[in-house]
Structures are given as C-alpha cells and as structure tokens.
C-alpha atoms as a PDB file:
ATOM      1  CA  UNK A   1     -16.872   6.918  16.610  1.00  0.00           C
ATOM      2  CA  UNK A   2     -16.561   8.633  19.956  1.00  0.00           C
ATOM      3  CA  UNK A   3     -18.901   6.242  21.792  1.00  0.00           C
ATOM      4  CA  UNK A   4     -17.224   3.119  20.397  1.00  0.00           C
ATOM      5  CA  UNK A   5     -20.338   1.708  18.696  1.00  0.00           C
ATOM      6  CA  UNK A   6     -20.164   0.274  15.195  1.00  0.00           C
ATOM      7  CA  UNK A   7     -21.451   2.783  12.706  1.00  0.00           C
ATOM      8  CA  UNK A   8     -24.465   1.970  10.571  1.00  0.00           C
ATOM      9  CA  UNK A   9     -23.937   1.999   6.788  1.00  0.00           C
ATOM     10  CA  UNK A  10     -23.708   5.469   5.224  1.00  0.00           C
ATOM     11  CA  UNK A  11     -22.619   7.101   8.491  1.00  0.00           C
ATOM     12  CA  UNK A  12     -19.185   8.654   8.461  1.00  0.00           C
ATOM     13  CA  UNK A  13     -17.994   9.172  12.015  1.00  0.00           C
ATOM     14  CA  UNK A  14     -20.868   9.356  14.458  1.00  0.00           C
ATOM     15  CA  UNK A  15     -23.721   6.993  15.248  1.00  0.00           C
ATOM     16  CA  UNK A  16     -26.104   9.867  16.007  1.00  0.00           C
ATOM     17  CA  UNK A  17     -26.346  13.608  16.599  1.00  0.00           C
ATOM     18  CA  UNK A  18     -25.545  13.383  20.321  1.00  0.00           C
ATOM     19  CA  UNK A  19     -22.377  11.402  19.629  1.00  0.00           C
ATOM     20  CA  UNK A  20     -21.310  14.022  17.068  1.00  0.00           C
ATOM     21  CA  UNK A  21     -22.027  16.895  19.447  1.00  0.00           C
ATOM     22  CA  UNK A  22     -20.102  15.235  22.286  1.00  0.00           C
ATOM     23  CA  UNK A  23     -17.126  14.506  20.020  1.00  0.00           C
ATOM     24  CA  UNK A  24     -16.825  18.111  18.861  1.00  0.00           C
ATOM     25  CA  UNK A  25     -17.230  19.565  22.346  1.00  0.00           C
ATOM     26  CA  UNK A  26     -14.518  17.343  23.828  1.00  0.00           C
ATOM     27  CA  UNK A  27     -12.069  17.311  20.891  1.00  0.00           C
ATOM     28  CA  UNK A  28      -9.030  19.491  21.462  1.00  0.00           C
ATOM     29  CA  UNK A  29      -8.855  22.556  19.251  1.00  0.00           C
ATOM     30  CA  UNK A  30      -5.278  21.632  18.337  1.00  0.00           C
ATOM     31  CA  UNK A  31      -6.486  18.477  16.570  1.00  0.00           C
ATOM     32  CA  UNK A  32      -8.741  20.437  14.251  1.00  0.00           C
ATOM     33  CA  UNK A  33      -6.120  23.117  13.651  1.00  0.00           C
ATOM     34  CA  UNK A  34      -3.462  20.491  12.903  1.00  0.00           C
ATOM     35  CA  UNK A  35      -5.480  19.044   9.986  1.00  0.00           C
ATOM     36  CA  UNK A  36      -4.369  21.861   7.659  1.00  0.00           C
ATOM     37  CA  UNK A  37      -0.707  21.265   8.498  1.00  0.00           C
ATOM     38  CA  UNK A  38      -1.100  17.494   8.114  1.00  0.00           C
ATOM     39  CA  UNK A  39      -2.884  17.905   4.774  1.00  0.00           C
ATOM     40  CA  UNK A  40       0.003  20.030   3.492  1.00  0.00           C
ATOM     41  CA  UNK A  41       2.583  17.468   4.710  1.00  0.00           C
ATOM     42  CA  UNK A  42       0.740  14.625   2.933  1.00  0.00           C
ATOM     43  CA  UNK A  43       0.516  16.533  -0.346  1.00  0.00           C
ATOM     44  CA  UNK A  44       4.205  17.471  -0.185  1.00  0.00           C
ATOM     45  CA  UNK A  45       5.172  13.878   0.730  1.00  0.00           C
ATOM     46  CA  UNK A  46       3.274  12.704  -2.363  1.00  0.00           C
ATOM     47  CA  UNK A  47       5.143  15.223  -4.569  1.00  0.00           C
ATOM     48  CA  UNK A  48       2.057  17.411  -5.046  1.00  0.00           C
ATOM     49  CA  UNK A  49       0.466  14.806  -7.299  1.00  0.00           C
ATOM     50  CA  UNK A  50      -2.546  12.512  -7.244  1.00  0.00           C
ATOM     51  CA  UNK A  51      -1.310   9.028  -6.399  1.00  0.00           C
ATOM     52  CA  UNK A  52      -3.831   7.469  -8.817  1.00  0.00           C
ATOM     53  CA  UNK A  53      -3.666   9.540 -12.012  1.00  0.00           C
ATOM     54  CA  UNK A  54      -0.746  11.932 -11.474  1.00  0.00           C
ATOM     55  CA  UNK A  55      -2.779  15.189 -11.555  1.00  0.00           C
ATOM     56  CA  UNK A  56      -0.622  18.044 -10.227  1.00  0.00           C
ATOM     57  CA  UNK A  57      -2.982  21.039 -10.104  1.00  0.00           C
ATOM     58  CA  UNK A  58      -2.829  21.919  -6.387  1.00  0.00           C
ATOM     59  CA  UNK A  59      -6.397  23.235  -6.264  1.00  0.00           C
ATOM     60  CA  UNK A  60      -7.621  19.791  -7.435  1.00  0.00           C
ATOM     61  CA  UNK A  61      -5.747  17.857  -4.749  1.00  0.00           C
ATOM     62  CA  UNK A  62      -7.421  16.403  -1.668  1.00  0.00           C
ATOM     63  CA  UNK A  63      -6.294  14.115   1.134  1.00  0.00           C
ATOM     64  CA  UNK A  64      -7.980  10.709   1.461  1.00  0.00           C
ATOM     65  CA  UNK A  65      -8.067   8.293   4.403  1.00  0.00           C
ATOM     66  CA  UNK A  66      -6.826   4.914   3.145  1.00  0.00           C
ATOM     67  CA  UNK A  67      -8.589   3.040   5.954  1.00  0.00           C
ATOM     68  CA  UNK A  68     -11.849   4.883   6.675  1.00  0.00           C
ATOM     69  CA  UNK A  69     -12.227   6.352  10.138  1.00  0.00           C
ATOM     70  CA  UNK A  70     -15.457   4.385  10.641  1.00  0.00           C
ATOM     71  CA  UNK A  71     -13.513   1.185   9.885  1.00  0.00           C
ATOM     72  CA  UNK A  72     -10.875   1.916  12.515  1.00  0.00           C
ATOM     73  CA  UNK A  73      -8.491   4.060  10.483  1.00  0.00           C
ATOM     74  CA  UNK A  74      -6.543   6.693  12.377  1.00  0.00           C
ATOM     75  CA  UNK A  75      -7.887  10.123  11.520  1.00  0.00           C
ATOM     76  CA  UNK A  76      -4.616  12.014  11.973  1.00  0.00           C
ATOM     77  CA  UNK A  77      -1.972   9.391  11.105  1.00  0.00           C
ATOM     78  CA  UNK A  78       0.050  10.486   8.078  1.00  0.00           C
ATOM     79  CA  UNK A  79       0.481   6.815   7.091  1.00  0.00           C
ATOM     80  CA  UNK A  80      -3.300   6.507   6.710  1.00  0.00           C
ATOM     81  CA  UNK A  81      -3.498   9.442   4.299  1.00  0.00           C
ATOM     82  CA  UNK A  82      -2.888   9.710   0.566  1.00  0.00           C
ATOM     83  CA  UNK A  83      -3.128  12.529  -1.973  1.00  0.00           C
ATOM     84  CA  UNK A  84      -5.833  12.176  -4.603  1.00  0.00           C
ATOM     85  CA  UNK A  85      -7.318  14.604  -7.101  1.00  0.00           C
ATOM     86  CA  UNK A  86     -11.013  15.432  -6.807  1.00  0.00           C
ATOM     87  CA  UNK A  87     -11.983  12.981  -9.563  1.00  0.00           C
ATOM     88  CA  UNK A  88     -10.028  10.024  -8.158  1.00  0.00           C
ATOM     89  CA  UNK A  89     -11.226  10.825  -4.628  1.00  0.00           C
ATOM     90  CA  UNK A  90     -14.847  10.649  -5.800  1.00  0.00           C
ATOM     91  CA  UNK A  91     -14.116   7.359  -7.574  1.00  0.00           C
ATOM     92  CA  UNK A  92     -12.650   5.864  -4.372  1.00  0.00           C
ATOM     93  CA  UNK A  93     -15.726   6.818  -2.363  1.00  0.00           C
ATOM     94  CA  UNK A  94     -18.098   5.623  -5.085  1.00  0.00           C
ATOM     95  CA  UNK A  95     -16.270   2.272  -5.083  1.00  0.00           C
ATOM     96  CA  UNK A  96     -16.660   2.011  -1.284  1.00  0.00           C
ATOM     97  CA  UNK A  97     -20.377   2.748  -1.513  1.00  0.00           C
ATOM     98  CA  UNK A  98     -20.746   0.023  -4.132  1.00  0.00           C
ATOM     99  CA  UNK A  99     -18.870  -2.413  -1.882  1.00  0.00           C
ATOM    100  CA  UNK A 100     -21.409  -1.702   0.868  1.00  0.00           C
ATOM    101  CA  UNK A 101     -24.258  -2.552  -1.522  1.00  0.00           C
ATOM    102  CA  UNK A 102     -22.843  -5.226  -3.857  1.00  0.00           C
ATOM    103  CA  UNK A 103     -26.213  -6.634  -4.955  1.00  0.00           C
ATOM    104  CA  UNK A 104     -27.626  -3.345  -6.159  1.00  0.00           C
ATOM    105  CA  UNK A 105     -27.158  -2.154  -9.703  1.00  0.00           C
ATOM    106  CA  UNK A 106     -26.159   1.450 -10.236  1.00  0.00           C
ATOM    107  CA  UNK A 107     -27.208   3.652 -13.116  1.00  0.00           C
ATOM    108  CA  UNK A 108     -24.439   6.031 -14.089  1.00  0.00           C
ATOM    109  CA  UNK A 109     -25.427   8.977 -16.247  1.00  0.00           C
ATOM    110  CA  UNK A 110     -22.594  10.800 -17.963  1.00  0.00           C
END
C-alpha cells in the first residue's frame, strides 16, 4: 500500500517486492514495536474473548482487521481491530476470499 496503487487480488499489503522492501525500510521501528502493545489492548478491551464464538483461551486469540489494510483500513487504529480465535479468524479470511471469487465453487474437505 505504500505506493498508493490498488492491490491486485490475493495481495495483502504491497503491489510488488520493491514496494514491500521500500515500506519496511522507511517504516518507523516504533510502529512495528507498538503492534504487540496494541494487540494486548484490543484483547483486553474485548474481555479476552473471541467476539464471534466467545473462546477465552488466550493462546487461541488473534487480532483481526475489520476493514482490510488493502481496502483502506487503518493498520494501527484500535477501532479497526477485533479479537477473534484462530478458528473464527480463519473463517473470516475464507469468507473474504470467497467474496473475491463469487462464481467459483469451493470443495471443503473435513
């Protein structure tokens, strides 16, 4: 996202390797170090529980961007973050991938 171009499908933050390299070189160290603190604040704000299923095992909890960064969501805004367990987080991302490819059928093997 550092160059301002729209990202192609399946890309997370950078349009290409050079964009990624430039972003990491010029990003302040404090931003990357603050992620751990922000993650902890989000989990505590959400009462140490997944906001979808209620899972409370801390080692299963992750922080999810409500509006994806590649769709304009703020990477470090606490209001754009939510606590999800690993399972619900995977479901959210699977749902987004399906929304990108609505005409394709998906075979799910359990």
